[in-house]
Amino acid sequence: MSVRRILVVGLGNPGEAYRNTYHSAGNIVLNALRNQMADTQPSFKVARHGKKSTEASIGSKYSFLQSPCVMNVTGTWFARAYREHLIDNGLSPAELGVVLVHDDLEEELGVVKIRDWARSHRGHNGIKSVNASLKADPEGKWARVSIGIGRPVERERASVSDYVLSKIPRHARGILEEKGGAGLLAALMDLERKWEAS
């Protein structure tokens, strides 16, 4: 059965204090992709998804959602939004592709990689929360797309935490939006080809 819609969810932390931090790269790049697809993908607007007010761009093929939750507790909302999307669109799991977009400390700034859904979370609390709340339906199409944010020289936990929650400098955000947006579009195209062929 072919994929009829693709649900793309960006991970990040809500609120003005955290909107422009490295940990919100998933949401930042998803917004950049929407801007690149402005002719076919509607602007983000606040709507109810997963029982929460969510920044959403719902087009004819893609549904872009920016997680409205603190990273560590994203999973419950994500699971609700996924199930709601199936019901509201009259889809079976096999007809909905699901893509989770998240930041990645192990890649250089703006580098985009397609990751297997079941791949290790490598300490990413948002992915851990999603995995704890939702088991991927084996009939469905699932993937993660990671967005590189670089990593501080110091590797201890406190330094990493400070880094991911730090403000992104303007030049770095420009790189993230340009490379990340184009990379995410290419990743979605690759995933669609893969899913159609399977």
N, C-alpha and C. Protein backbone atom coordinates (compact mmCIF):
# COMPACT_ATOMS: atom_id res chain seq x y z
N MET A 1 0.85 -1.19 0.00
CA MET A 1 0.00 0.00 0.00
C MET A 1 0.88 1.25 0.00
N SER A 2 0.58 2.20 -0.85
CA SER A 2 1.45 3.37 -0.99
C SER A 2 1.16 4.43 0.08
N VAL A 3 2.17 5.24 0.35
CA VAL A 3 2.05 6.33 1.32
C VAL A 3 1.22 7.46 0.71
N ARG A 4 0.18 7.88 1.41
CA ARG A 4 -0.68 8.96 0.92
C ARG A 4 -0.37 10.30 1.55
N ARG A 5 0.12 10.29 2.78
CA ARG A 5 0.51 11.53 3.45
C ARG A 5 1.80 11.30 4.22
N ILE A 6 2.49 12.41 4.48
CA ILE A 6 3.72 12.33 5.27
C ILE A 6 3.63 13.34 6.41
N LEU A 7 3.77 12.83 7.62
CA LEU A 7 3.75 13.64 8.83
C LEU A 7 5.20 13.92 9.24
N VAL A 8 5.57 15.19 9.25
CA VAL A 8 6.93 15.58 9.59
C VAL A 8 6.87 16.41 10.88
N VAL A 9 7.53 15.92 11.92
CA VAL A 9 7.48 16.57 13.23
C VAL A 9 8.87 17.05 13.62
N GLY A 10 8.98 18.35 13.90
CA GLY A 10 10.23 18.92 14.37
C GLY A 10 10.29 18.93 15.88
N LEU A 11 11.43 18.54 16.43
CA LEU A 11 11.62 18.59 17.88
C LEU A 11 12.31 19.90 18.28
N GLY A 12 11.91 20.42 19.41
CA GLY A 12 12.50 21.64 19.95
C GLY A 12 11.86 21.96 21.28
N ASN A 13 12.32 23.01 21.91
CA ASN A 13 11.71 23.44 23.17
C ASN A 13 10.85 24.67 22.91
N PRO A 14 9.68 24.76 23.54
CA PRO A 14 8.78 25.89 23.30
C PRO A 14 9.21 27.14 24.06
N GLY A 15 8.62 28.26 23.69
CA GLY A 15 8.85 29.51 24.42
C GLY A 15 9.97 30.33 23.80
N GLU A 16 9.86 31.65 23.95
CA GLU A 16 10.83 32.55 23.35
C GLU A 16 12.25 32.31 23.85
N ALA A 17 12.41 31.90 25.10
CA ALA A 17 13.74 31.70 25.67
C ALA A 17 14.50 30.57 24.98
N TYR A 18 13.78 29.60 24.41
CA TYR A 18 14.43 28.42 23.84
C TYR A 18 14.21 28.25 22.34
N ARG A 19 13.44 29.11 21.73
CA ARG A 19 13.09 28.95 20.31
C ARG A 19 14.33 29.02 19.41
N ASN A 20 15.30 29.86 19.78
CA ASN A 20 16.49 30.07 18.94
C ASN A 20 17.73 29.43 19.57
N THR A 21 17.57 28.21 20.08
CA THR A 21 18.70 27.47 20.65
C THR A 21 19.00 26.25 19.78
N TYR A 22 20.21 25.71 19.96
CA TYR A 22 20.62 24.56 19.15
C TYR A 22 19.69 23.36 19.32
N HIS A 23 19.15 23.19 20.52
CA HIS A 23 18.27 22.04 20.78
C HIS A 23 16.96 22.14 20.00
N SER A 24 16.63 23.32 19.51
CA SER A 24 15.41 23.50 18.72
C SER A 24 15.69 23.47 17.22
N ALA A 25 16.82 22.90 16.82
CA ALA A 25 17.19 22.85 15.41
C ALA A 25 16.14 22.14 14.56
N GLY A 26 15.47 21.13 15.12
CA GLY A 26 14.44 20.42 14.36
C GLY A 26 13.33 21.37 13.91
N ASN A 27 12.86 22.20 14.83
CA ASN A 27 11.82 23.17 14.50
C ASN A 27 12.33 24.26 13.56
N ILE A 28 13.55 24.72 13.79
CA ILE A 28 14.14 25.79 12.97
C ILE A 28 14.26 25.33 11.51
N VAL A 29 14.77 24.14 11.31
CA VAL A 29 14.97 23.63 9.95
C VAL A 29 13.64 23.29 9.28
N LEU A 30 12.68 22.80 10.06
CA LEU A 30 11.36 22.52 9.48
C LEU A 30 10.71 23.81 9.00
N ASN A 31 10.88 24.88 9.75
CA ASN A 31 10.36 26.18 9.33
C ASN A 31 11.09 26.68 8.07
N ALA A 32 12.40 26.46 8.01
CA ALA A 32 13.16 26.85 6.83
C ALA A 32 12.69 26.08 5.59
N LEU A 33 12.40 24.80 5.76
CA LEU A 33 11.89 24.00 4.65
C LEU A 33 10.54 24.54 4.19
N ARG A 34 9.67 24.86 5.14
CA ARG A 34 8.37 25.41 4.77
C ARG A 34 8.52 26.68 3.93
N ASN A 35 9.47 27.53 4.30
CA ASN A 35 9.72 28.75 3.54
C ASN A 35 10.18 28.44 2.13
N GLN A 36 10.99 27.39 1.96
CA GLN A 36 11.45 26.99 0.64
C GLN A 36 10.30 26.43 -0.21
N MET A 37 9.29 25.86 0.46
CA MET A 37 8.14 25.25 -0.23
C MET A 37 6.92 26.16 -0.20
N ALA A 38 7.14 27.46 -0.09
CA ALA A 38 6.04 28.41 0.12
C ALA A 38 4.95 28.33 -0.95
N ASP A 39 5.29 27.92 -2.16
CA ASP A 39 4.29 27.84 -3.23
C ASP A 39 3.31 26.70 -3.04
N THR A 40 3.71 25.68 -2.30
CA THR A 40 2.86 24.49 -2.16
C THR A 40 2.51 24.14 -0.72
N GLN A 41 3.26 24.70 0.25
CA GLN A 41 3.03 24.35 1.65
C GLN A 41 2.59 25.59 2.42
N PRO A 42 1.40 25.54 3.06
CA PRO A 42 0.89 26.73 3.77
C PRO A 42 1.79 27.19 4.91
N SER A 43 1.64 28.44 5.30
CA SER A 43 2.38 28.98 6.44
C SER A 43 1.99 28.25 7.72
N PHE A 44 2.88 28.29 8.69
CA PHE A 44 2.57 27.73 10.00
C PHE A 44 1.51 28.57 10.69
N LYS A 45 0.53 27.89 11.27
CA LYS A 45 -0.51 28.54 12.06
C LYS A 45 -0.77 27.70 13.30
N VAL A 46 -1.21 28.34 14.36
CA VAL A 46 -1.50 27.60 15.58
C VAL A 46 -2.81 26.84 15.43
N ALA A 47 -2.77 25.54 15.72
CA ALA A 47 -3.96 24.69 15.64
C ALA A 47 -3.82 23.59 16.70
N ARG A 48 -4.93 22.91 16.97
CA ARG A 48 -4.91 21.84 17.98
C ARG A 48 -4.48 20.53 17.33
N HIS A 49 -3.40 19.98 17.83
CA HIS A 49 -2.93 18.67 17.41
C HIS A 49 -2.40 17.97 18.65
N GLY A 50 -2.79 16.70 18.81
CA GLY A 50 -2.36 15.96 19.99
C GLY A 50 -2.82 16.62 21.28
N LYS A 51 -3.97 17.29 21.24
CA LYS A 51 -4.60 17.96 22.38
C LYS A 51 -3.80 19.16 22.89
N LYS A 52 -2.94 19.72 22.05
CA LYS A 52 -2.18 20.92 22.43
C LYS A 52 -2.15 21.91 21.28
N SER A 53 -2.04 23.19 21.61
CA SER A 53 -1.87 24.22 20.59
C SER A 53 -0.48 24.03 19.97
N THR A 54 -0.47 23.88 18.67
CA THR A 54 0.74 23.48 17.95
C THR A 54 0.91 24.33 16.70
N GLU A 55 2.15 24.72 16.42
CA GLU A 55 2.45 25.37 15.14
C GLU A 55 2.38 24.30 14.06
N ALA A 56 1.46 24.49 13.09
CA ALA A 56 1.21 23.45 12.09
C ALA A 56 1.09 24.05 10.69
N SER A 57 1.61 23.32 9.73
CA SER A 57 1.48 23.66 8.31
C SER A 57 0.94 22.40 7.63
N ILE A 58 -0.34 22.44 7.26
CA ILE A 58 -1.01 21.26 6.71
C ILE A 58 -1.26 21.48 5.22
N GLY A 59 -0.51 20.80 4.39
CA GLY A 59 -0.66 20.90 2.95
C GLY A 59 -1.39 19.71 2.38
N SER A 60 -1.41 19.60 1.07
CA SER A 60 -2.13 18.52 0.42
C SER A 60 -1.44 17.17 0.59
N LYS A 61 -0.13 17.19 0.81
CA LYS A 61 0.62 15.96 0.96
C LYS A 61 1.35 15.86 2.30
N TYR A 62 1.92 17.00 2.73
CA TYR A 62 2.72 17.03 3.96
C TYR A 62 1.99 17.71 5.10
N SER A 63 2.16 17.16 6.28
CA SER A 63 1.74 17.82 7.52
C SER A 63 3.00 18.11 8.32
N PHE A 64 3.32 19.39 8.49
CA PHE A 64 4.47 19.80 9.30
C PHE A 64 3.97 20.23 10.66
N LEU A 65 4.49 19.64 11.72
CA LEU A 65 4.14 20.03 13.09
C LEU A 65 5.40 20.35 13.86
N GLN A 66 5.39 21.44 14.61
CA GLN A 66 6.48 21.77 15.51
C GLN A 66 6.06 21.39 16.92
N SER A 67 6.83 20.51 17.53
CA SER A 67 6.46 20.04 18.86
C SER A 67 6.26 21.20 19.83
N PRO A 68 5.12 21.21 20.54
CA PRO A 68 4.84 22.27 21.51
C PRO A 68 5.31 21.94 22.91
N CYS A 69 6.02 20.82 23.07
CA CYS A 69 6.37 20.31 24.40
C CYS A 69 7.84 20.50 24.72
N VAL A 70 8.13 20.55 26.02
CA VAL A 70 9.51 20.49 26.47
C VAL A 70 10.09 19.16 25.98
N MET A 71 11.32 19.20 25.50
CA MET A 71 11.95 18.06 24.84
C MET A 71 11.79 16.75 25.60
N ASN A 72 12.02 16.76 26.89
CA ASN A 72 12.05 15.52 27.68
C ASN A 72 10.70 14.82 27.79
N VAL A 73 9.61 15.53 27.49
CA VAL A 73 8.27 14.93 27.62
C VAL A 73 7.49 15.04 26.31
N THR A 74 8.19 14.98 25.20
CA THR A 74 7.56 15.10 23.88
C THR A 74 6.71 13.89 23.52
N GLY A 75 7.07 12.72 24.03
CA GLY A 75 6.50 11.48 23.57
C GLY A 75 4.99 11.35 23.64
N THR A 76 4.39 11.73 24.76
CA THR A 76 2.93 11.59 24.91
C THR A 76 2.20 12.41 23.86
N TRP A 77 2.65 13.65 23.67
CA TRP A 77 2.03 14.49 22.64
C TRP A 77 2.23 13.89 21.25
N PHE A 78 3.44 13.44 20.96
CA PHE A 78 3.74 12.88 19.64
C PHE A 78 2.82 11.68 19.34
N ALA A 79 2.66 10.79 20.31
CA ALA A 79 1.82 9.61 20.11
C ALA A 79 0.38 10.00 19.84
N ARG A 80 -0.12 10.99 20.59
CA ARG A 80 -1.50 11.46 20.36
C ARG A 80 -1.65 12.09 18.98
N ALA A 81 -0.67 12.92 18.60
CA ALA A 81 -0.74 13.59 17.31
C ALA A 81 -0.69 12.58 16.16
N TYR A 82 0.12 11.56 16.31
CA TYR A 82 0.21 10.51 15.29
C TYR A 82 -1.13 9.78 15.12
N ARG A 83 -1.69 9.32 16.24
CA ARG A 83 -2.95 8.57 16.16
C ARG A 83 -4.08 9.45 15.64
N GLU A 84 -4.10 10.70 16.08
CA GLU A 84 -5.10 11.66 15.64
C GLU A 84 -4.98 11.87 14.12
N HIS A 85 -3.77 11.93 13.63
CA HIS A 85 -3.54 12.15 12.20
C HIS A 85 -4.08 10.99 11.37
N LEU A 86 -3.89 9.78 11.86
CA LEU A 86 -4.44 8.61 11.17
C LEU A 86 -5.96 8.70 11.07
N ILE A 87 -6.60 8.98 12.21
CA ILE A 87 -8.06 9.01 12.26
C ILE A 87 -8.63 10.16 11.43
N ASP A 88 -8.10 11.36 11.61
CA ASP A 88 -8.63 12.54 10.93
C ASP A 88 -8.49 12.46 9.42
N ASN A 89 -7.47 11.74 8.94
CA ASN A 89 -7.25 11.64 7.50
C ASN A 89 -7.70 10.31 6.91
N GLY A 90 -8.31 9.47 7.76
CA GLY A 90 -8.81 8.18 7.28
C GLY A 90 -7.71 7.30 6.71
N LEU A 91 -6.57 7.26 7.39
CA LEU A 91 -5.42 6.53 6.89
C LEU A 91 -5.14 5.28 7.73
N SER A 92 -4.61 4.26 7.08
CA SER A 92 -4.05 3.13 7.80
C SER A 92 -2.59 3.46 8.09
N PRO A 93 -1.96 2.78 9.05
CA PRO A 93 -0.54 3.05 9.32
C PRO A 93 0.35 2.93 8.08
N ALA A 94 0.01 2.03 7.17
CA ALA A 94 0.81 1.83 5.96
C ALA A 94 0.71 3.01 5.00
N GLU A 95 -0.30 3.85 5.17
CA GLU A 95 -0.51 4.97 4.25
C GLU A 95 0.08 6.29 4.75
N LEU A 96 0.67 6.25 5.94
CA LEU A 96 1.23 7.47 6.53
C LEU A 96 2.73 7.30 6.78
N GLY A 97 3.52 8.16 6.13
CA GLY A 97 4.94 8.20 6.43
C GLY A 97 5.18 9.14 7.59
N VAL A 98 6.06 8.77 8.50
CA VAL A 98 6.34 9.57 9.69
C VAL A 98 7.83 9.90 9.74
N VAL A 99 8.13 11.20 9.87
CA VAL A 99 9.52 11.66 9.92
C VAL A 99 9.71 12.53 11.15
N LEU A 100 10.66 12.17 11.99
CA LEU A 100 10.99 12.94 13.18
C LEU A 100 12.29 13.70 12.92
N VAL A 101 12.26 15.02 13.02
CA VAL A 101 13.42 15.87 12.72
C VAL A 101 14.00 16.38 14.04
N HIS A 102 15.29 16.14 14.25
CA HIS A 102 15.89 16.46 15.55
C HIS A 102 17.33 16.91 15.40
N ASP A 103 17.84 17.58 16.41
CA ASP A 103 19.23 18.03 16.44
C ASP A 103 20.16 16.85 16.70
N ASP A 104 21.42 17.01 16.24
CA ASP A 104 22.41 15.94 16.36
C ASP A 104 23.77 16.54 16.71
N LEU A 105 24.25 16.23 17.91
CA LEU A 105 25.54 16.74 18.38
C LEU A 105 26.73 16.13 17.65
N GLU A 106 26.54 15.00 17.02
CA GLU A 106 27.67 14.28 16.41
C GLU A 106 27.96 14.69 14.98
N GLU A 107 27.16 15.61 14.41
CA GLU A 107 27.38 16.06 13.04
C GLU A 107 27.69 17.55 13.03
N GLU A 108 28.42 17.98 12.01
CA GLU A 108 28.74 19.39 11.84
C GLU A 108 27.48 20.21 11.57
N LEU A 109 27.56 21.49 11.84
CA LEU A 109 26.41 22.39 11.71
C LEU A 109 25.78 22.30 10.32
N GLY A 110 24.48 22.00 10.29
CA GLY A 110 23.72 21.98 9.06
C GLY A 110 23.76 20.68 8.28
N VAL A 111 24.57 19.72 8.72
CA VAL A 111 24.64 18.43 8.02
C VAL A 111 23.39 17.61 8.33
N VAL A 112 22.73 17.13 7.29
CA VAL A 112 21.47 16.40 7.43
C VAL A 112 21.69 14.93 7.09
N LYS A 113 21.19 14.05 7.95
CA LYS A 113 21.33 12.61 7.73
C LYS A 113 19.99 11.91 7.99
N ILE A 114 19.67 10.96 7.13
CA ILE A 114 18.51 10.09 7.38
C ILE A 114 18.96 8.99 8.33
N ARG A 115 18.19 8.79 9.39
CA ARG A 115 18.50 7.77 10.39
C ARG A 115 17.37 6.74 10.45
N ASP A 116 17.74 5.50 10.65
CA ASP A 116 16.73 4.47 10.87
C ASP A 116 15.97 4.79 12.15
N TRP A 117 14.67 4.59 12.14
CA TRP A 117 13.84 4.91 13.30
C TRP A 117 14.33 4.22 14.57
N ALA A 118 14.78 2.99 14.43
CA ALA A 118 15.17 2.19 15.60
C ALA A 118 16.61 2.42 16.03
N ARG A 119 17.33 3.29 15.34
CA ARG A 119 18.73 3.56 15.69
C ARG A 119 18.82 4.14 17.10
N SER A 120 19.94 3.95 17.76
CA SER A 120 20.15 4.44 19.12
C SER A 120 19.85 5.93 19.23
N HIS A 121 19.23 6.32 20.35
CA HIS A 121 18.94 7.73 20.59
C HIS A 121 20.18 8.51 20.98
N ARG A 122 21.26 7.82 21.35
CA ARG A 122 22.53 8.44 21.73
C ARG A 122 22.35 9.55 22.77
N GLY A 123 21.47 9.30 23.73
CA GLY A 123 21.28 10.24 24.83
C GLY A 123 20.33 11.38 24.54
N HIS A 124 19.71 11.41 23.36
CA HIS A 124 18.79 12.51 23.02
C HIS A 124 17.46 12.29 23.74
N ASN A 125 17.12 13.18 24.66
CA ASN A 125 15.94 12.98 25.52
C ASN A 125 14.63 13.05 24.75
N GLY A 126 14.58 13.84 23.69
CA GLY A 126 13.36 13.91 22.89
C GLY A 126 13.07 12.58 22.21
N ILE A 127 14.09 11.98 21.63
CA ILE A 127 13.92 10.69 20.97
C ILE A 127 13.58 9.62 21.99
N LYS A 128 14.24 9.65 23.14
CA LYS A 128 13.93 8.69 24.20
C LYS A 128 12.46 8.78 24.62
N SER A 129 11.96 10.00 24.75
CA SER A 129 10.58 10.20 25.16
C SER A 129 9.61 9.67 24.10
N VAL A 130 9.90 9.93 22.84
CA VAL A 130 9.04 9.43 21.75
C VAL A 130 9.04 7.91 21.74
N ASN A 131 10.21 7.31 21.85
CA ASN A 131 10.29 5.84 21.83
C ASN A 131 9.55 5.20 23.00
N ALA A 132 9.56 5.88 24.15
CA ALA A 132 8.88 5.34 25.33
C ALA A 132 7.37 5.42 25.20
N SER A 133 6.87 6.35 24.38
CA SER A 133 5.43 6.58 24.29
C SER A 133 4.77 5.95 23.08
N LEU A 134 5.55 5.63 22.07
CA LEU A 134 4.97 5.14 20.82
C LEU A 134 5.86 4.08 20.20
N LYS A 135 5.29 2.91 20.00
CA LYS A 135 6.00 1.85 19.29
C LYS A 135 5.63 1.93 17.81
N ALA A 136 6.63 2.00 16.95
CA ALA A 136 6.38 2.15 15.52
C ALA A 136 5.61 0.96 14.97
N ASP A 137 4.46 1.23 14.33
CA ASP A 137 3.67 0.17 13.72
C ASP A 137 4.49 -0.46 12.59
N PRO A 138 4.65 -1.78 12.59
CA PRO A 138 5.48 -2.42 11.56
C PRO A 138 4.97 -2.23 10.14
N GLU A 139 3.69 -1.91 9.99
CA GLU A 139 3.14 -1.68 8.66
C GLU A 139 3.43 -0.26 8.16
N GLY A 140 3.82 0.63 9.07
CA GLY A 140 4.04 2.01 8.71
C GLY A 140 5.42 2.28 8.16
N LYS A 141 5.62 3.51 7.71
CA LYS A 141 6.92 3.97 7.20
C LYS A 141 7.44 5.00 8.19
N TRP A 142 8.60 4.73 8.78
CA TRP A 142 9.13 5.55 9.86
C TRP A 142 10.58 5.92 9.59
N ALA A 143 10.95 7.15 9.88
CA ALA A 143 12.35 7.56 9.74
C ALA A 143 12.63 8.75 10.64
N ARG A 144 13.90 8.89 10.99
CA ARG A 144 14.36 10.10 11.67
C ARG A 144 15.29 10.83 10.73
N VAL A 145 15.27 12.16 10.82
CA VAL A 145 16.23 12.98 10.08
C VAL A 145 16.94 13.84 11.09
N SER A 146 18.26 13.69 11.15
CA SER A 146 19.04 14.45 12.13
C SER A 146 19.65 15.68 11.49
N ILE A 147 19.71 16.76 12.27
CA ILE A 147 20.27 18.03 11.84
C ILE A 147 21.51 18.31 12.68
N GLY A 148 22.67 18.37 12.05
CA GLY A 148 23.90 18.60 12.78
C GLY A 148 23.97 19.97 13.43
N ILE A 149 24.40 20.00 14.69
CA ILE A 149 24.55 21.28 15.40
C ILE A 149 25.97 21.44 15.95
N GLY A 150 26.88 20.51 15.62
CA GLY A 150 28.23 20.58 16.18
C GLY A 150 28.23 20.18 17.64
N ARG A 151 29.39 20.29 18.26
CA ARG A 151 29.51 19.87 19.67
C ARG A 151 30.60 20.68 20.35
N PRO A 152 30.38 21.04 21.62
CA PRO A 152 31.44 21.77 22.34
C PRO A 152 32.67 20.89 22.54
N VAL A 153 33.82 21.52 22.70
CA VAL A 153 35.05 20.77 22.91
C VAL A 153 34.96 19.92 24.17
N GLU A 154 34.42 20.52 25.23
CA GLU A 154 34.26 19.77 26.48
C GLU A 154 33.08 18.80 26.32
N ARG A 155 33.28 17.57 26.74
CA ARG A 155 32.25 16.56 26.52
C ARG A 155 31.46 16.21 27.78
N GLU A 156 31.79 16.83 28.91
CA GLU A 156 31.04 16.48 30.11
C GLU A 156 29.59 16.95 29.98
N ARG A 157 28.72 16.31 30.72
CA ARG A 157 27.27 16.51 30.60
C ARG A 157 26.86 17.97 30.75
N ALA A 158 27.42 18.68 31.72
CA ALA A 158 27.03 20.07 31.97
C ALA A 158 27.37 20.96 30.78
N SER A 159 28.53 20.75 30.18
CA SER A 159 28.94 21.55 29.03
C SER A 159 28.04 21.30 27.83
N VAL A 160 27.70 20.04 27.61
CA VAL A 160 26.81 19.69 26.50
C VAL A 160 25.44 20.31 26.70
N SER A 161 24.91 20.22 27.93
CA SER A 161 23.59 20.79 28.23
C SER A 161 23.59 22.30 28.02
N ASP A 162 24.65 22.96 28.48
CA ASP A 162 24.74 24.41 28.28
C ASP A 162 24.79 24.76 26.80
N TYR A 163 25.52 23.93 26.03
CA TYR A 163 25.67 24.20 24.60
C TYR A 163 24.34 24.08 23.86
N VAL A 164 23.61 22.97 24.05
CA VAL A 164 22.39 22.76 23.28
C VAL A 164 21.31 23.78 23.63
N LEU A 165 21.38 24.37 24.84
CA LEU A 165 20.39 25.37 25.24
C LEU A 165 20.89 26.80 25.05
N SER A 166 22.04 26.95 24.40
CA SER A 166 22.57 28.29 24.15
C SER A 166 21.97 28.88 22.88
N LYS A 167 21.95 30.20 22.82
CA LYS A 167 21.42 30.91 21.65
C LYS A 167 22.30 30.64 20.42
N ILE A 168 21.68 30.49 19.28
CA ILE A 168 22.42 30.28 18.04
C ILE A 168 22.82 31.65 17.48
N PRO A 169 24.11 31.88 17.24
CA PRO A 169 24.54 33.15 16.63
C PRO A 169 23.91 33.30 15.24
N ARG A 170 23.78 34.54 14.80
CA ARG A 170 23.09 34.82 13.54
C ARG A 170 23.71 34.06 12.36
N HIS A 171 25.05 34.08 12.25
CA HIS A 171 25.69 33.42 11.11
C HIS A 171 25.45 31.91 11.15
N ALA A 172 25.46 31.32 12.35
CA ALA A 172 25.23 29.89 12.49
C ALA A 172 23.79 29.54 12.15
N ARG A 173 22.86 30.40 12.55
CA ARG A 173 21.46 30.14 12.20
C ARG A 173 21.27 30.20 10.68
N GLY A 174 21.96 31.12 10.02
CA GLY A 174 21.87 31.20 8.57
C GLY A 174 22.34 29.92 7.91
N ILE A 175 23.44 29.36 8.40
CA ILE A 175 23.94 28.09 7.87
C ILE A 175 22.93 26.98 8.13
N LEU A 176 22.40 26.95 9.34
CA LEU A 176 21.44 25.92 9.72
C LEU A 176 20.20 25.97 8.83
N GLU A 177 19.69 27.17 8.59
CA GLU A 177 18.48 27.30 7.77
C GLU A 177 18.75 26.96 6.31
N GLU A 178 19.86 27.44 5.76
CA GLU A 178 20.14 27.21 4.35
C GLU A 178 20.48 25.75 4.07
N LYS A 179 21.51 25.24 4.76
CA LYS A 179 21.92 23.86 4.53
C LYS A 179 20.88 22.87 5.05
N GLY A 180 20.35 23.17 6.25
CA GLY A 180 19.39 22.25 6.85
C GLY A 180 18.10 22.16 6.07
N GLY A 181 17.57 23.31 5.63
CA GLY A 181 16.32 23.30 4.87
C GLY A 181 16.45 22.52 3.57
N ALA A 182 17.54 22.79 2.81
CA ALA A 182 17.77 22.07 1.56
C ALA A 182 18.02 20.59 1.82
N GLY A 183 18.76 20.28 2.89
CA GLY A 183 19.05 18.89 3.22
C GLY A 183 17.81 18.12 3.63
N LEU A 184 16.92 18.78 4.38
CA LEU A 184 15.69 18.12 4.79
C LEU A 184 14.80 17.85 3.59
N LEU A 185 14.72 18.78 2.65
CA LEU A 185 13.94 18.55 1.44
C LEU A 185 14.49 17.35 0.67
N ALA A 186 15.81 17.29 0.51
CA ALA A 186 16.41 16.16 -0.20
C ALA A 186 16.15 14.85 0.54
N ALA A 187 16.20 14.89 1.88
CA ALA A 187 15.94 13.69 2.67
C ALA A 187 14.50 13.20 2.48
N LEU A 188 13.55 14.13 2.46
CA LEU A 188 12.15 13.74 2.25
C LEU A 188 11.96 13.11 0.88
N MET A 189 12.61 13.68 -0.14
CA MET A 189 12.52 13.10 -1.49
C MET A 189 13.09 11.68 -1.51
N ASP A 190 14.24 11.49 -0.85
CA ASP A 190 14.86 10.17 -0.78
C ASP A 190 13.95 9.17 -0.07
N LEU A 191 13.36 9.61 1.03
CA LEU A 191 12.48 8.72 1.79
C LEU A 191 11.25 8.34 0.97
N GLU A 192 10.68 9.30 0.27
CA GLU A 192 9.51 9.00 -0.56
C GLU A 192 9.84 7.96 -1.62
N ARG A 193 10.98 8.11 -2.28
CA ARG A 193 11.39 7.13 -3.30
C ARG A 193 11.58 5.75 -2.68
N LYS A 194 12.21 5.73 -1.51
CA LYS A 194 12.44 4.46 -0.82
C LYS A 194 11.12 3.80 -0.43
N TRP A 195 10.22 4.59 0.13
CA TRP A 195 8.94 4.04 0.59
C TRP A 195 8.07 3.57 -0.57
N GLU A 196 8.12 4.28 -1.68
CA GLU A 196 7.32 3.87 -2.85
C GLU A 196 7.85 2.58 -3.46
N ALA A 197 9.15 2.38 -3.33
CA ALA A 197 9.76 1.19 -3.92
C ALA A 197 9.62 -0.04 -3.04
N SER A 198 9.28 0.16 -1.76
CA SER A 198 9.22 -0.98 -0.83
C SER A 198 7.85 -1.63 -0.84
